[in-house]
N, C-alpha and C. Protein backbone atom coordinates (compact mmCIF):
# COMPACT_ATOMS: atom_id res chain seq x y z
N UNK A 1 9.31 5.09 0.22
CA UNK A 1 10.55 4.32 0.35
C UNK A 1 10.98 4.27 1.83
N UNK A 2 11.32 3.09 2.30
CA UNK A 2 11.71 2.91 3.70
C UNK A 2 13.13 3.41 3.91
N UNK A 3 13.29 4.33 4.88
CA UNK A 3 14.61 4.88 5.17
C UNK A 3 15.46 3.83 5.86
N UNK A 4 16.76 3.88 5.60
CA UNK A 4 17.67 2.90 6.20
C UNK A 4 18.64 3.62 7.14
N UNK A 5 18.82 3.06 8.29
CA UNK A 5 19.75 3.58 9.27
C UNK A 5 21.18 3.34 8.74
N UNK A 6 21.98 4.40 8.57
CA UNK A 6 23.35 4.21 8.04
C UNK A 6 24.25 3.42 8.99
N UNK A 7 23.81 3.25 10.23
CA UNK A 7 24.61 2.50 11.20
C UNK A 7 24.14 1.05 11.35
N UNK A 8 23.21 0.64 10.49
CA UNK A 8 22.73 -0.75 10.58
C UNK A 8 23.86 -1.71 10.20
N UNK A 9 23.84 -2.85 10.84
CA UNK A 9 24.89 -3.85 10.59
C UNK A 9 24.24 -5.22 10.56
N UNK A 10 24.40 -5.90 9.43
CA UNK A 10 23.81 -7.23 9.26
C UNK A 10 22.31 -7.25 9.57
N UNK A 11 21.64 -6.15 9.17
CA UNK A 11 20.18 -6.08 9.36
C UNK A 11 19.74 -5.73 10.76
N UNK A 12 20.71 -5.37 11.63
CA UNK A 12 20.38 -5.00 13.01
C UNK A 12 20.80 -3.56 13.30
N UNK A 13 20.08 -2.92 14.22
CA UNK A 13 20.39 -1.53 14.60
C UNK A 13 20.35 -1.40 16.12
N UNK A 14 21.01 -0.36 16.61
CA UNK A 14 20.97 -0.04 18.03
C UNK A 14 19.91 1.03 18.27
N UNK A 15 19.20 0.89 19.36
CA UNK A 15 18.23 1.87 19.81
C UNK A 15 18.41 2.08 21.31
N UNK A 16 17.95 3.23 21.79
CA UNK A 16 18.00 3.53 23.22
C UNK A 16 16.61 4.00 23.64
N UNK A 17 16.16 3.53 24.78
CA UNK A 17 14.84 3.95 25.26
C UNK A 17 14.86 4.11 26.77
N UNK A 18 14.29 5.22 27.23
CA UNK A 18 14.16 5.44 28.68
C UNK A 18 12.79 4.95 29.13
N UNK A 19 12.80 4.12 30.17
CA UNK A 19 11.56 3.55 30.67
C UNK A 19 11.53 3.60 32.20
N UNK A 20 10.34 3.44 32.75
CA UNK A 20 10.19 3.39 34.20
C UNK A 20 10.99 2.22 34.76
N UNK A 21 11.51 2.39 35.94
CA UNK A 21 12.36 1.36 36.54
C UNK A 21 11.62 0.04 36.75
N UNK A 22 10.28 0.10 36.89
CA UNK A 22 9.50 -1.14 37.05
C UNK A 22 9.52 -2.01 35.81
N UNK A 23 9.95 -1.44 34.69
CA UNK A 23 10.06 -2.24 33.46
C UNK A 23 11.04 -3.40 33.65
N UNK A 24 12.00 -3.23 34.54
CA UNK A 24 12.95 -4.30 34.82
C UNK A 24 12.24 -5.54 35.37
N UNK A 25 11.17 -5.32 36.15
CA UNK A 25 10.40 -6.45 36.69
C UNK A 25 9.68 -7.18 35.57
N UNK A 26 9.15 -6.43 34.60
CA UNK A 26 8.48 -7.07 33.45
C UNK A 26 9.45 -7.98 32.70
N UNK A 27 10.64 -7.44 32.45
CA UNK A 27 11.64 -8.22 31.72
C UNK A 27 12.03 -9.47 32.50
N UNK A 28 12.19 -9.32 33.80
CA UNK A 28 12.62 -10.43 34.63
C UNK A 28 11.54 -11.52 34.70
N UNK A 29 10.28 -11.10 34.78
CA UNK A 29 9.20 -12.09 34.97
C UNK A 29 8.72 -12.71 33.67
N UNK A 30 8.75 -11.95 32.56
CA UNK A 30 8.20 -12.46 31.30
C UNK A 30 9.22 -12.56 30.17
N UNK A 31 10.36 -11.88 30.33
CA UNK A 31 11.36 -11.87 29.27
C UNK A 31 11.05 -10.92 28.14
N UNK A 32 9.94 -10.15 28.30
CA UNK A 32 9.50 -9.22 27.25
C UNK A 32 9.04 -7.92 27.90
N UNK A 33 9.28 -6.81 27.19
CA UNK A 33 8.74 -5.54 27.66
C UNK A 33 7.92 -4.88 26.56
N UNK A 34 6.71 -4.46 26.92
CA UNK A 34 5.91 -3.60 26.05
C UNK A 34 5.20 -2.57 26.92
N UNK A 35 4.77 -1.50 26.28
CA UNK A 35 4.20 -0.37 27.01
C UNK A 35 2.77 -0.66 27.45
N UNK A 36 2.52 -0.41 28.72
CA UNK A 36 1.16 -0.52 29.26
C UNK A 36 0.71 0.87 29.71
N UNK A 37 -0.58 1.02 29.85
CA UNK A 37 -1.14 2.34 30.17
C UNK A 37 -0.50 2.96 31.41
N UNK A 38 -0.27 2.17 32.44
CA UNK A 38 0.25 2.75 33.69
C UNK A 38 1.65 3.34 33.51
N UNK A 39 2.41 2.81 32.53
CA UNK A 39 3.72 3.41 32.26
C UNK A 39 3.56 4.79 31.62
N UNK A 40 2.58 4.90 30.74
CA UNK A 40 2.32 6.21 30.12
C UNK A 40 1.84 7.20 31.18
N UNK A 41 1.01 6.71 32.11
CA UNK A 41 0.52 7.61 33.15
C UNK A 41 1.66 8.08 34.04
N UNK A 42 2.62 7.21 34.30
CA UNK A 42 3.81 7.61 35.07
C UNK A 42 4.56 8.74 34.36
N UNK A 43 4.59 8.67 33.03
CA UNK A 43 5.34 9.66 32.25
C UNK A 43 4.58 10.96 32.05
N UNK A 44 3.27 10.86 31.79
CA UNK A 44 2.50 12.04 31.36
C UNK A 44 1.48 12.55 32.37
N UNK A 45 1.16 11.76 33.39
CA UNK A 45 0.21 12.21 34.39
C UNK A 45 -1.14 12.58 33.79
N UNK A 46 -1.62 13.78 34.11
CA UNK A 46 -2.93 14.22 33.65
C UNK A 46 -3.03 14.38 32.13
N UNK A 47 -1.89 14.42 31.45
CA UNK A 47 -1.89 14.56 29.99
C UNK A 47 -1.91 13.20 29.26
N UNK A 48 -2.01 12.12 30.01
CA UNK A 48 -1.93 10.79 29.41
C UNK A 48 -2.99 10.58 28.34
N UNK A 49 -4.24 10.91 28.63
CA UNK A 49 -5.30 10.68 27.65
C UNK A 49 -5.10 11.52 26.40
N UNK A 50 -4.56 12.72 26.57
CA UNK A 50 -4.26 13.57 25.41
C UNK A 50 -3.25 12.85 24.50
N UNK A 51 -2.22 12.31 25.09
CA UNK A 51 -1.19 11.61 24.32
C UNK A 51 -1.73 10.33 23.69
N UNK A 52 -2.50 9.56 24.44
CA UNK A 52 -2.98 8.28 23.91
C UNK A 52 -3.96 8.48 22.75
N UNK A 53 -4.70 9.58 22.74
CA UNK A 53 -5.57 9.87 21.60
C UNK A 53 -4.74 10.08 20.34
N UNK A 54 -3.62 10.78 20.47
CA UNK A 54 -2.74 10.99 19.32
C UNK A 54 -2.01 9.70 18.95
N UNK A 55 -1.71 8.88 19.94
CA UNK A 55 -1.07 7.59 19.68
C UNK A 55 -1.97 6.71 18.81
N UNK A 56 -3.29 6.84 18.98
CA UNK A 56 -4.21 6.02 18.17
C UNK A 56 -3.95 6.26 16.69
N UNK A 57 -3.77 7.54 16.32
CA UNK A 57 -3.48 7.85 14.92
C UNK A 57 -2.12 7.26 14.55
N UNK A 58 -1.11 7.47 15.38
CA UNK A 58 0.23 6.98 15.09
C UNK A 58 0.24 5.46 14.93
N UNK A 59 -0.42 4.76 15.84
CA UNK A 59 -0.44 3.30 15.83
C UNK A 59 -1.07 2.78 14.55
N UNK A 60 -2.17 3.40 14.14
CA UNK A 60 -2.84 2.99 12.90
C UNK A 60 -1.90 3.09 11.70
N UNK A 61 -1.15 4.20 11.61
CA UNK A 61 -0.24 4.41 10.48
C UNK A 61 1.03 3.57 10.62
N UNK A 62 1.53 3.43 11.84
CA UNK A 62 2.73 2.62 12.07
C UNK A 62 2.46 1.16 11.73
N UNK A 63 1.27 0.70 12.04
CA UNK A 63 0.87 -0.69 11.76
C UNK A 63 0.96 -1.01 10.26
N UNK A 64 0.75 0.00 9.41
CA UNK A 64 0.85 -0.20 7.97
C UNK A 64 2.30 -0.44 7.55
N UNK A 65 3.23 0.02 8.35
CA UNK A 65 4.65 -0.10 8.03
C UNK A 65 5.28 -1.34 8.68
N UNK A 66 4.97 -1.55 9.93
CA UNK A 66 5.40 -2.76 10.65
C UNK A 66 4.17 -3.27 11.40
N UNK A 67 3.60 -4.39 10.99
CA UNK A 67 2.37 -4.87 11.62
C UNK A 67 2.48 -5.00 13.13
N UNK A 68 1.44 -4.51 13.81
CA UNK A 68 1.39 -4.54 15.27
C UNK A 68 0.84 -5.87 15.76
N UNK A 69 1.55 -6.53 16.67
CA UNK A 69 0.97 -7.75 17.27
C UNK A 69 -0.32 -7.42 18.03
N UNK A 70 -1.24 -8.36 18.06
CA UNK A 70 -2.56 -8.11 18.67
C UNK A 70 -2.49 -7.76 20.14
N UNK A 71 -1.49 -8.27 20.84
CA UNK A 71 -1.43 -8.05 22.29
C UNK A 71 -0.80 -6.70 22.67
N UNK A 72 -0.35 -5.95 21.68
CA UNK A 72 0.32 -4.67 21.95
C UNK A 72 -0.68 -3.53 21.87
N UNK A 73 -0.57 -2.60 22.81
CA UNK A 73 -1.45 -1.42 22.82
C UNK A 73 -0.74 -0.13 22.40
N UNK A 74 0.55 -0.02 22.75
CA UNK A 74 1.29 1.22 22.48
C UNK A 74 2.70 0.90 22.01
N UNK A 75 3.29 1.81 21.23
CA UNK A 75 4.67 1.58 20.78
C UNK A 75 5.69 1.96 21.85
N UNK A 76 6.90 1.40 21.71
CA UNK A 76 8.02 1.77 22.58
C UNK A 76 8.82 2.85 21.85
N UNK A 77 8.83 4.05 22.43
CA UNK A 77 9.51 5.21 21.82
C UNK A 77 11.01 5.07 22.02
N UNK A 78 11.80 5.19 20.97
CA UNK A 78 13.25 4.99 21.07
C UNK A 78 14.02 6.10 20.36
N UNK A 79 15.24 6.31 20.84
CA UNK A 79 16.20 7.19 20.16
C UNK A 79 17.09 6.32 19.28
N UNK A 80 17.59 6.91 18.20
CA UNK A 80 18.47 6.17 17.29
C UNK A 80 19.94 6.44 17.59
N UNK A 81 20.19 7.25 18.61
CA UNK A 81 21.56 7.60 19.00
C UNK A 81 21.61 7.75 20.51
N UNK A 82 22.71 7.34 21.09
CA UNK A 82 22.86 7.50 22.54
C UNK A 82 22.83 8.98 22.93
N UNK A 83 23.38 9.82 22.07
CA UNK A 83 23.42 11.26 22.37
C UNK A 83 22.05 11.92 22.34
N UNK A 84 21.11 11.35 21.60
CA UNK A 84 19.78 11.95 21.51
C UNK A 84 18.77 11.27 22.44
N UNK A 85 19.27 10.38 23.30
CA UNK A 85 18.39 9.69 24.25
C UNK A 85 17.95 10.66 25.35
N UNK A 86 16.71 10.50 25.79
CA UNK A 86 16.23 11.31 26.91
C UNK A 86 17.07 10.98 28.14
N UNK A 87 17.45 12.00 28.92
CA UNK A 87 18.33 11.74 30.08
C UNK A 87 17.61 10.98 31.18
N UNK A 88 18.38 10.30 31.99
CA UNK A 88 17.82 9.62 33.16
C UNK A 88 17.19 10.61 34.11
N UNK A 89 16.04 10.24 34.63
CA UNK A 89 15.42 11.00 35.72
C UNK A 89 15.07 9.98 36.81
N UNK A 90 14.57 10.46 37.91
CA UNK A 90 14.26 9.58 39.03
C UNK A 90 13.31 8.47 38.61
N UNK A 91 13.56 7.26 39.08
CA UNK A 91 12.73 6.08 38.81
C UNK A 91 12.70 5.65 37.35
N UNK A 92 13.78 5.93 36.62
CA UNK A 92 13.86 5.47 35.23
C UNK A 92 15.19 4.74 34.99
N UNK A 93 15.19 3.98 33.90
CA UNK A 93 16.42 3.36 33.41
C UNK A 93 16.46 3.57 31.91
N UNK A 94 17.65 3.46 31.34
CA UNK A 94 17.79 3.53 29.89
C UNK A 94 18.27 2.17 29.39
N UNK A 95 17.56 1.67 28.40
CA UNK A 95 17.95 0.41 27.77
C UNK A 95 18.69 0.69 26.47
N UNK A 96 19.84 0.08 26.30
CA UNK A 96 20.51 0.06 25.01
C UNK A 96 20.13 -1.27 24.36
N UNK A 97 19.56 -1.20 23.16
CA UNK A 97 19.01 -2.38 22.51
C UNK A 97 19.69 -2.66 21.18
N UNK A 98 19.68 -3.91 20.78
CA UNK A 98 19.97 -4.28 19.40
C UNK A 98 18.76 -5.04 18.88
N UNK A 99 18.16 -4.52 17.80
CA UNK A 99 16.94 -5.12 17.26
C UNK A 99 17.07 -5.27 15.75
N UNK A 100 16.21 -6.11 15.17
CA UNK A 100 16.14 -6.22 13.71
C UNK A 100 15.61 -4.92 13.14
N UNK A 101 16.30 -4.39 12.14
CA UNK A 101 15.86 -3.11 11.58
C UNK A 101 14.48 -3.21 10.95
N UNK A 102 14.11 -4.37 10.45
CA UNK A 102 12.79 -4.53 9.82
C UNK A 102 11.66 -4.33 10.83
N UNK A 103 11.97 -4.37 12.13
CA UNK A 103 10.96 -4.18 13.17
C UNK A 103 10.85 -2.73 13.64
N UNK A 104 11.65 -1.84 13.06
CA UNK A 104 11.70 -0.45 13.52
C UNK A 104 10.87 0.45 12.61
N UNK A 105 10.07 1.31 13.23
CA UNK A 105 9.29 2.31 12.50
C UNK A 105 9.98 3.65 12.71
N UNK A 106 10.65 4.14 11.67
CA UNK A 106 11.34 5.42 11.78
C UNK A 106 10.38 6.57 11.49
N UNK A 107 10.57 7.67 12.20
CA UNK A 107 9.75 8.86 11.95
C UNK A 107 10.54 10.08 12.41
N UNK A 108 10.06 11.24 11.99
CA UNK A 108 10.73 12.50 12.31
C UNK A 108 10.12 13.08 13.58
N UNK A 109 10.88 13.06 14.65
CA UNK A 109 10.39 13.55 15.94
C UNK A 109 10.09 15.03 15.95
N UNK A 110 10.79 15.81 15.12
CA UNK A 110 10.50 17.25 15.07
C UNK A 110 9.14 17.50 14.43
N UNK A 111 8.75 16.62 13.50
CA UNK A 111 7.41 16.74 12.91
C UNK A 111 6.35 16.24 13.88
N UNK A 112 6.72 15.27 14.71
CA UNK A 112 5.76 14.78 15.71
C UNK A 112 5.36 15.89 16.66
N UNK A 113 6.25 16.84 16.90
CA UNK A 113 5.92 17.98 17.76
C UNK A 113 4.73 18.76 17.20
N UNK A 114 4.64 18.85 15.86
CA UNK A 114 3.48 19.51 15.26
C UNK A 114 2.20 18.73 15.60
N UNK A 115 2.29 17.40 15.53
CA UNK A 115 1.13 16.57 15.84
C UNK A 115 0.71 16.77 17.29
N UNK A 116 1.68 16.78 18.20
CA UNK A 116 1.37 16.99 19.62
C UNK A 116 0.66 18.32 19.87
N UNK A 117 0.92 19.29 18.99
CA UNK A 117 0.29 20.61 19.12
C UNK A 117 -0.94 20.77 18.24
N UNK A 118 -1.40 19.64 17.65
CA UNK A 118 -2.59 19.67 16.78
C UNK A 118 -2.41 20.62 15.61
N UNK A 119 -1.23 20.67 15.08
CA UNK A 119 -0.90 21.62 14.02
C UNK A 119 -0.68 20.91 12.68
N UNK A 120 -0.79 21.67 11.63
CA UNK A 120 -0.48 21.20 10.28
C UNK A 120 1.01 20.87 10.17
N UNK A 121 1.34 19.70 9.61
CA UNK A 121 2.74 19.31 9.41
C UNK A 121 3.13 19.71 7.99
N UNK A 122 4.01 20.69 7.85
CA UNK A 122 4.36 21.19 6.52
C UNK A 122 5.36 20.28 5.80
N UNK A 123 5.37 20.42 4.47
CA UNK A 123 6.36 19.71 3.65
C UNK A 123 7.75 20.27 3.93
N UNK A 124 7.82 21.61 4.02
CA UNK A 124 9.07 22.31 4.28
C UNK A 124 8.73 23.72 4.77
N UNK A 125 9.73 24.56 4.93
CA UNK A 125 9.51 25.92 5.45
C UNK A 125 8.64 26.74 4.53
N UNK A 126 8.82 26.57 3.23
CA UNK A 126 8.00 27.31 2.26
C UNK A 126 6.54 26.90 2.35
N UNK A 127 6.31 25.62 2.50
CA UNK A 127 4.93 25.13 2.63
C UNK A 127 4.28 25.67 3.89
N UNK A 128 5.04 25.74 4.99
CA UNK A 128 4.51 26.29 6.24
C UNK A 128 4.16 27.76 6.07
N UNK A 129 5.02 28.49 5.36
CA UNK A 129 4.77 29.91 5.11
C UNK A 129 3.50 30.09 4.28
N UNK A 130 3.34 29.25 3.23
CA UNK A 130 2.13 29.31 2.39
C UNK A 130 0.89 28.99 3.21
N UNK A 131 1.00 27.98 4.06
CA UNK A 131 -0.15 27.58 4.88
C UNK A 131 -0.57 28.73 5.80
N UNK A 132 0.39 29.33 6.48
CA UNK A 132 0.07 30.43 7.39
C UNK A 132 -0.54 31.62 6.65
N UNK A 133 0.01 31.93 5.48
CA UNK A 133 -0.54 33.04 4.69
C UNK A 133 -1.96 32.74 4.23
N UNK A 134 -2.19 31.50 3.84
CA UNK A 134 -3.53 31.10 3.40
C UNK A 134 -4.52 31.20 4.55
N UNK A 135 -4.12 30.72 5.73
CA UNK A 135 -5.00 30.78 6.89
C UNK A 135 -5.29 32.24 7.28
N UNK A 136 -4.26 33.06 7.17
CA UNK A 136 -4.43 34.48 7.48
C UNK A 136 -5.41 35.13 6.52
N UNK A 137 -5.33 34.75 5.23
CA UNK A 137 -6.24 35.31 4.23
C UNK A 137 -7.68 34.87 4.46
N UNK A 138 -7.85 33.73 5.16
CA UNK A 138 -9.19 33.24 5.49
C UNK A 138 -9.72 33.84 6.79
N UNK A 139 -8.89 34.67 7.44
CA UNK A 139 -9.32 35.36 8.65
C UNK A 139 -8.93 34.68 9.94
N UNK A 140 -8.08 33.65 9.86
CA UNK A 140 -7.64 32.95 11.07
C UNK A 140 -6.35 33.58 11.60
N UNK A 141 -6.24 33.67 12.93
CA UNK A 141 -5.00 34.17 13.53
C UNK A 141 -4.10 32.99 13.91
N UNK A 142 -2.91 33.27 14.41
CA UNK A 142 -1.94 32.21 14.72
C UNK A 142 -2.47 31.22 15.75
N UNK A 143 -3.21 31.69 16.75
CA UNK A 143 -3.75 30.79 17.77
C UNK A 143 -4.80 29.86 17.19
N UNK A 144 -5.55 30.34 16.20
CA UNK A 144 -6.57 29.51 15.57
C UNK A 144 -5.96 28.25 14.95
N UNK A 145 -4.71 28.34 14.49
CA UNK A 145 -4.08 27.23 13.79
C UNK A 145 -3.87 26.01 14.69
N UNK A 146 -3.99 26.23 16.01
CA UNK A 146 -3.85 25.13 16.98
C UNK A 146 -5.21 24.69 17.53
N UNK A 147 -6.29 25.24 16.97
CA UNK A 147 -7.62 25.05 17.57
C UNK A 147 -8.62 24.31 16.70
N UNK A 148 -8.18 23.80 15.55
CA UNK A 148 -9.12 23.13 14.66
C UNK A 148 -9.47 21.71 15.13
N UNK A 149 -8.65 21.15 16.00
CA UNK A 149 -8.91 19.79 16.48
C UNK A 149 -9.52 19.76 17.87
N UNK A 150 -9.54 20.91 18.51
CA UNK A 150 -10.03 20.96 19.87
C UNK A 150 -10.51 22.37 20.15
N UNK A 151 -11.69 22.49 20.71
CA UNK A 151 -12.19 23.82 21.01
C UNK A 151 -13.32 24.23 20.08
N UNK A 152 -13.62 25.52 20.08
CA UNK A 152 -14.81 26.01 19.38
C UNK A 152 -14.72 25.91 17.86
N UNK A 153 -13.51 25.81 17.29
CA UNK A 153 -13.37 25.72 15.84
C UNK A 153 -13.51 24.29 15.32
N UNK A 154 -13.46 23.31 16.22
CA UNK A 154 -13.39 21.90 15.81
C UNK A 154 -14.57 21.49 14.92
N UNK A 155 -15.77 21.89 15.28
CA UNK A 155 -16.95 21.44 14.54
C UNK A 155 -17.41 22.43 13.47
N UNK A 156 -16.84 23.61 13.49
CA UNK A 156 -17.23 24.63 12.50
C UNK A 156 -16.38 24.56 11.25
N UNK A 157 -15.15 24.05 11.37
CA UNK A 157 -14.23 24.03 10.23
C UNK A 157 -13.67 22.62 10.05
N UNK A 158 -14.54 21.70 9.70
CA UNK A 158 -14.15 20.29 9.59
C UNK A 158 -13.16 20.06 8.44
N UNK A 159 -13.24 20.86 7.39
CA UNK A 159 -12.29 20.70 6.27
C UNK A 159 -10.87 21.03 6.72
N UNK A 160 -10.73 22.07 7.54
CA UNK A 160 -9.41 22.45 8.04
C UNK A 160 -8.88 21.37 8.99
N UNK A 161 -9.79 20.82 9.80
CA UNK A 161 -9.42 19.74 10.72
C UNK A 161 -8.89 18.54 9.92
N UNK A 162 -9.61 18.16 8.87
CA UNK A 162 -9.21 17.03 8.04
C UNK A 162 -7.88 17.30 7.34
N UNK A 163 -7.71 18.52 6.88
CA UNK A 163 -6.45 18.88 6.21
C UNK A 163 -5.27 18.71 7.16
N UNK A 164 -5.44 19.12 8.40
CA UNK A 164 -4.36 18.99 9.39
C UNK A 164 -4.04 17.52 9.66
N UNK A 165 -5.07 16.72 9.91
CA UNK A 165 -4.84 15.30 10.21
C UNK A 165 -4.19 14.59 9.02
N UNK A 166 -4.63 14.95 7.81
CA UNK A 166 -4.03 14.33 6.62
C UNK A 166 -2.55 14.69 6.45
N UNK A 167 -2.17 15.85 6.98
CA UNK A 167 -0.77 16.28 6.86
C UNK A 167 0.16 15.50 7.80
N UNK A 168 -0.40 14.89 8.82
CA UNK A 168 0.41 14.22 9.83
C UNK A 168 1.22 13.06 9.27
N UNK A 169 0.75 12.48 8.16
CA UNK A 169 1.45 11.34 7.57
C UNK A 169 2.90 11.70 7.23
N UNK A 170 3.17 12.99 7.13
CA UNK A 170 4.53 13.44 6.80
C UNK A 170 5.53 13.17 7.91
N UNK A 171 5.08 12.78 9.09
CA UNK A 171 6.04 12.44 10.15
C UNK A 171 6.92 11.26 9.71
N UNK A 172 6.42 10.47 8.77
CA UNK A 172 7.17 9.31 8.29
C UNK A 172 8.07 9.65 7.09
N UNK A 173 7.98 10.88 6.60
CA UNK A 173 8.84 11.32 5.49
C UNK A 173 10.16 11.81 6.06
N UNK A 174 11.22 11.08 5.77
CA UNK A 174 12.56 11.43 6.28
C UNK A 174 13.47 11.66 5.09
N UNK A 175 13.95 12.88 4.97
CA UNK A 175 14.78 13.23 3.81
C UNK A 175 16.27 13.03 4.08
N UNK A 176 16.68 13.16 5.33
CA UNK A 176 18.09 12.94 5.67
C UNK A 176 18.17 12.32 7.06
N UNK A 177 19.26 11.61 7.29
CA UNK A 177 19.43 10.92 8.57
C UNK A 177 20.05 11.88 9.58
N UNK A 178 19.20 12.40 10.46
CA UNK A 178 19.64 13.28 11.53
C UNK A 178 19.22 12.64 12.85
N UNK A 179 20.17 12.08 13.61
CA UNK A 179 19.82 11.35 14.82
C UNK A 179 19.17 12.20 15.92
N UNK A 180 19.23 13.52 15.77
CA UNK A 180 18.58 14.38 16.75
C UNK A 180 17.14 14.70 16.34
N UNK A 181 16.75 14.30 15.15
CA UNK A 181 15.36 14.46 14.70
C UNK A 181 14.65 13.12 14.56
N UNK A 182 15.38 12.15 14.05
CA UNK A 182 14.77 10.85 13.76
C UNK A 182 14.64 10.03 15.04
N UNK A 183 13.50 9.39 15.17
CA UNK A 183 13.26 8.45 16.25
C UNK A 183 12.81 7.14 15.66
N UNK A 184 12.92 6.09 16.44
CA UNK A 184 12.50 4.77 15.97
C UNK A 184 11.62 4.10 17.00
N UNK A 185 10.46 3.65 16.56
CA UNK A 185 9.57 2.93 17.47
C UNK A 185 9.56 1.45 17.16
N UNK A 186 9.43 0.66 18.21
CA UNK A 186 9.25 -0.78 18.08
C UNK A 186 8.03 -1.14 18.92
N UNK A 187 7.45 -2.30 18.66
CA UNK A 187 6.24 -2.68 19.40
C UNK A 187 6.58 -3.29 20.76
N UNK A 188 7.74 -3.93 20.85
CA UNK A 188 8.18 -4.50 22.12
C UNK A 188 9.65 -4.90 21.99
N UNK A 189 10.27 -5.23 23.10
CA UNK A 189 11.62 -5.81 23.01
C UNK A 189 11.75 -6.92 24.03
N UNK A 190 12.66 -7.83 23.72
CA UNK A 190 12.87 -9.00 24.57
C UNK A 190 14.18 -8.84 25.34
N UNK A 191 14.31 -9.67 26.34
CA UNK A 191 15.51 -9.64 27.20
C UNK A 191 16.77 -9.80 26.35
N UNK A 192 16.70 -10.63 25.33
CA UNK A 192 17.87 -10.87 24.48
C UNK A 192 18.25 -9.65 23.64
N UNK A 193 17.33 -8.67 23.50
CA UNK A 193 17.63 -7.45 22.75
C UNK A 193 18.42 -6.45 23.58
N UNK A 194 18.48 -6.64 24.89
CA UNK A 194 19.10 -5.67 25.78
C UNK A 194 20.61 -5.88 25.84
N UNK A 195 21.33 -4.84 25.42
CA UNK A 195 22.80 -4.86 25.46
C UNK A 195 23.28 -4.36 26.82
N UNK A 196 22.60 -3.30 27.29
CA UNK A 196 23.04 -2.67 28.54
C UNK A 196 21.85 -1.95 29.18
N UNK A 197 21.84 -1.93 30.49
CA UNK A 197 20.84 -1.16 31.24
C UNK A 197 21.59 -0.08 32.00
N UNK A 198 21.24 1.16 31.74
CA UNK A 198 21.89 2.30 32.40
C UNK A 198 20.98 2.77 33.52
N UNK A 199 21.51 2.74 34.75
CA UNK A 199 20.71 3.10 35.92
C UNK A 199 21.18 4.41 36.50
């Protein structure tokens, strides 16, 4: 079931996204902004390829919820509340947007942290406890739980690797609307979607 933003109005919602200041040039020249690799490199530096590999999984699943246009490579990461927006840093701006809610892919950002760490995404705290106990009974320590997708355990324990990746789909399971956990991605935004630019 698709979660609905309680603050939606007439099918539209507000989102906030922090982007590199050069994004203003994109908007000015084309009237549209979407994420390109060099923007990710500005944000993540040497960790860019690590993030983009995980984005491949996210994009595949997000596309099932809101179809991705062919010309788009990466999603635009957004906050659903001004208070939960990433703060301004040097060479960035924050866009306040109004977009059609049907174009937004909601997900749980706290669960995405598990994905970033190559970890199993639990259903709840009890499920996480069961998972850890099960792994312990199989002889794995806490550090091993982060090593099934990368490192010496990756090719020896393919079932555990698959189990972890299959659990990631839970990032889209949202049980309650918490603006400090929930994030919303869109594939792009247009100049007309911009309500305010915070510099």
